[in-house]
Protein backbone atom coordinates (compact mmCIF):
# COMPACT_ATOMS: atom_id res chain seq x y z
CA MET A 1 -0.01 0.00 -0.01
CA ASP A 2 1.52 3.25 -1.14
CA SER A 3 0.89 6.24 1.15
CA THR A 4 1.57 8.83 -1.59
CA VAL A 5 -0.94 10.43 -3.88
CA ALA A 6 -0.35 11.66 -7.43
CA THR A 7 0.99 15.04 -6.24
CA GLY A 8 3.89 13.40 -4.37
CA LYS A 9 2.49 14.36 -0.98
CA ARG A 10 1.84 11.84 1.72
CA LYS A 11 -1.71 11.52 3.03
CA SER A 12 -0.40 12.21 6.53
CA ASP A 13 0.87 15.64 5.44
CA ASP A 14 -2.72 16.88 5.27
CA ALA A 15 -3.49 15.50 8.72
CA PHE A 16 -0.84 17.73 10.33
CA PRO A 17 -0.88 21.12 8.59
CA LEU A 18 1.74 23.72 9.49
CA THR A 19 0.49 26.41 11.84
CA ALA A 20 1.41 30.07 11.94
CA ALA A 21 3.44 29.46 15.12
CA ALA A 22 5.56 26.87 13.37
CA ASP A 23 6.21 29.25 10.49
CA SER A 24 7.26 32.13 12.78
CA HIS A 25 9.90 30.02 14.63
CA PRO A 26 11.56 27.70 12.16
CA ASN A 27 14.41 27.06 14.65
CA LEU A 28 12.86 25.82 17.87
CA PHE A 29 16.27 25.69 19.55
CA ALA A 30 16.70 29.45 19.12
CA SER A 31 13.24 30.19 20.54
CA LEU A 32 14.35 29.18 24.07
CA SER A 33 16.76 31.33 26.07
CA ASP A 34 20.07 29.98 27.33
CA GLU A 35 18.72 30.08 30.88
CA ASN A 36 15.77 27.87 29.91
CA TRP A 37 18.17 25.35 28.33
CA LYS A 38 20.21 25.34 31.54
CA ILE A 39 17.11 24.60 33.60
CA ILE A 40 16.11 21.80 31.25
CA SER A 41 19.62 20.36 31.36
CA SER A 42 19.65 20.27 35.16
CA PHE A 43 16.77 17.78 35.06
CA ALA A 44 18.00 15.68 32.13
CA ALA A 45 20.55 12.86 32.18
CA PRO A 46 24.03 13.75 30.93
CA PRO A 47 23.85 11.37 27.93
CA ASP A 48 20.61 13.05 26.86
CA ILE A 49 22.20 16.47 27.03
CA TYR A 50 25.19 15.24 25.07
CA ASN A 51 22.92 13.91 22.34
CA LEU A 52 20.87 17.12 22.41
CA SER A 53 23.98 19.24 22.01
CA LEU A 54 25.03 17.23 18.95
CA SER A 55 21.62 17.76 17.37
CA SER A 56 22.04 21.43 16.45
CA VAL A 57 24.73 23.99 15.68
CA HIS A 58 22.81 26.31 18.04
CA PHE A 59 24.51 24.66 21.01
CA PHE A 60 28.04 25.27 19.69
CA ARG A 61 28.01 29.04 19.98
CA GLU A 62 29.61 30.92 22.83
CA ALA A 63 27.26 32.13 25.56
CA THR A 64 27.82 34.15 28.68
CA VAL A 65 28.33 32.16 31.87
CA THR A 66 25.74 33.20 34.41
CA THR A 67 26.11 31.03 37.54
CA ALA A 68 28.72 31.70 40.19
CA SER A 69 30.25 28.20 40.09
CA GLU A 70 30.68 28.43 36.33
CA ASN A 71 32.06 31.97 36.55
CA SER A 72 35.04 30.79 38.57
CA ALA A 73 35.79 28.09 36.00
CA ALA A 74 35.37 30.46 33.06
CA SER A 75 37.26 33.45 34.43
CA SER A 76 40.20 32.75 32.21
CA SER A 77 38.07 32.71 29.08
CA ASN A 78 36.39 36.10 29.54
CA ASP A 79 33.21 34.55 31.09
CA ARG A 80 32.13 32.92 27.84
CA LYS A 81 31.82 29.21 27.14
CA VAL A 82 30.19 27.11 24.47
CA LEU A 83 26.52 26.58 25.39
CA ALA A 84 26.82 22.80 24.99
CA THR A 85 29.60 22.79 27.59
CA GLN A 86 27.51 24.78 30.04
CA LEU A 87 24.50 22.51 29.56
CA LEU A 88 26.50 19.34 30.04
CA ARG A 89 28.19 20.74 33.15
CA SER A 90 24.81 21.66 34.62
CA SER A 91 23.48 18.17 33.94
CA LEU A 92 26.55 16.47 35.37
CA LEU A 93 26.52 18.58 38.56
CA SER A 94 22.84 18.05 39.22
CA SER A 95 23.24 14.31 38.67
CA LEU A 96 26.24 14.20 40.99
CA GLY A 97 24.24 16.13 43.58
CA ARG A 98 21.41 13.59 43.42
CA VAL A 99 23.86 10.67 43.75
CA LEU A 100 25.60 12.22 46.74
CA GLU A 101 22.28 13.05 48.41
CA ASN A 102 21.00 9.49 48.02
CA SER A 103 24.30 7.79 48.96
CA GLY A 104 24.08 8.67 52.65
CA SER A 105 27.85 9.32 52.71
CA GLY A 106 27.50 12.77 54.20
CA ILE A 107 29.42 14.33 51.31
CA THR A 108 27.64 17.32 49.80
CA LEU A 109 27.91 18.80 46.34
CA ASP A 110 29.19 22.05 47.85
CA SER A 111 32.08 20.27 49.56
CA VAL A 112 32.98 18.52 46.32
CA LEU A 113 32.96 21.81 44.38
CA LYS A 114 35.26 23.41 46.95
CA MET A 115 37.95 20.75 46.42
């Protein structure tokens, strides 16, 4: 069974027409601010953020570092890092924090960051 009609369009194309909102923001990655991406990355697993960062050139541009812990690490580079690096760092730190919290070892994320 062929799902194409004589015009070369699939039948499913008519079931999901483009909306005006989709036309106004062709790049959905650019429609979210860097801060929103950082919040999303703090809840996502590091491998997911890695795969996300490889999915678009948008994540390979330099962005201003906004958090205090990242500012100390980026001070040598004029407070700018590639957005993908910032997102992955945010994901890794939040995952480490969850592991330390659930381990019962008494080690906190703050004490690890001070090392």
